[in-house]
Protein backbone atom coordinates (compact mmCIF):
# COMPACT_ATOMS: atom_id res chain seq x y z
CA VAL A 1 7.97 -73.05 30.38
CA SER A 2 5.52 -72.06 32.89
CA LEU A 3 2.72 -69.86 32.41
CA MET A 4 3.69 -68.43 35.80
CA ALA A 5 6.99 -67.85 35.37
CA PRO A 6 7.42 -64.17 33.78
CA MET A 7 4.74 -63.45 36.62
CA LEU A 8 7.04 -65.59 39.21
CA SER A 9 9.93 -63.51 38.29
CA ALA A 10 8.43 -60.21 37.40
CA ALA A 11 6.17 -59.67 40.85
CA GLN A 12 7.53 -59.48 44.40
CA TRP A 13 7.69 -62.73 46.18
CA THR A 14 6.88 -63.19 49.54
CA GLU A 15 7.21 -66.23 51.18
CA SER A 16 4.17 -67.79 53.64
CA LEU A 17 5.65 -69.52 56.82
CA VAL A 18 2.22 -70.05 57.71
CA VAL A 19 1.53 -71.96 54.22
CA ALA A 20 5.02 -73.64 54.57
CA ASP A 21 3.79 -74.72 57.94
CA GLN A 22 0.92 -76.42 56.58
CA PHE A 23 2.80 -77.89 54.03
CA HIS A 24 5.11 -79.78 56.39
CA GLU A 25 2.43 -80.69 59.03
CA ALA A 26 0.52 -82.38 56.56
CA ASN A 27 3.68 -84.06 54.62
CA VAL A 28 2.72 -83.13 51.43
CA VAL A 29 5.07 -81.94 48.45
CA GLY A 30 3.56 -78.94 46.55
CA ALA A 31 3.48 -75.16 46.03
CA PHE A 32 0.52 -71.90 46.56
CA VAL A 33 0.69 -68.83 45.32
CA VAL A 34 -1.92 -66.17 46.27
CA LEU A 35 -1.50 -62.80 44.02
CA ASP A 36 -2.66 -59.13 45.33
CA PRO A 37 -4.48 -57.50 42.39
CA ARG A 38 -3.61 -54.01 43.73
CA THR A 39 -0.35 -54.42 44.27
CA GLY A 40 0.82 -57.43 41.95
CA ASN A 41 2.72 -59.43 44.84
CA LEU A 42 2.98 -62.60 45.29
CA THR A 43 2.55 -64.57 48.46
CA GLY A 44 3.24 -68.01 48.80
CA TYR A 45 5.00 -71.63 49.48
CA ASN A 46 7.70 -73.02 46.98
CA GLN A 47 8.34 -70.54 44.65
CA ASP A 48 10.73 -72.78 42.54
CA ARG A 49 8.02 -75.66 42.08
CA ALA A 50 5.03 -72.58 41.54
CA SER A 51 7.51 -71.80 38.48
CA LYS A 52 7.52 -75.04 36.74
CA ARG A 53 4.45 -76.41 34.73
CA PHE A 54 2.44 -79.32 36.31
CA VAL A 55 -0.43 -81.57 34.33
CA PRO A 56 -3.47 -80.22 36.64
CA ALA A 57 -5.20 -83.71 36.46
CA SER A 58 -8.59 -84.34 38.37
CA THR A 59 -7.51 -81.67 40.86
CA PHE A 60 -8.61 -79.28 38.63
CA LYS A 61 -11.85 -80.66 38.83
CA ILE A 62 -12.24 -79.12 41.97
CA ALA A 63 -11.45 -75.25 41.01
CA ASN A 64 -13.86 -75.42 38.04
CA THR A 65 -16.44 -77.31 40.20
CA LEU A 66 -16.30 -74.21 42.88
CA ILE A 67 -16.49 -71.36 40.00
CA GLY A 68 -19.53 -73.36 38.48
CA LEU A 69 -20.83 -73.15 41.77
CA SER A 70 -20.01 -69.32 42.48
CA VAL A 71 -21.15 -68.17 38.94
CA GLY A 72 -24.80 -70.08 39.02
CA ALA A 73 -23.82 -72.55 36.50
CA ILE A 74 -24.52 -75.49 38.60
CA LYS A 75 -27.09 -75.61 40.91
CA ASP A 76 -25.29 -78.40 43.50
């Protein structure tokens, strides 16, 4: 069960050809989703994969680091 599944099924999804091209050019399997908070619409790539739950593993450290830097919780 995915935490994103209800959001993905309830919102309007627009597949981004630009993002799809980036994934194909890099020969990478994955998904990308951006939520527009004003409309609730989603834009992304690979909706089927985005609706499945995966363990974030070490990639989650990247997001945590960026958040920490942006809010000033860490200095460098």
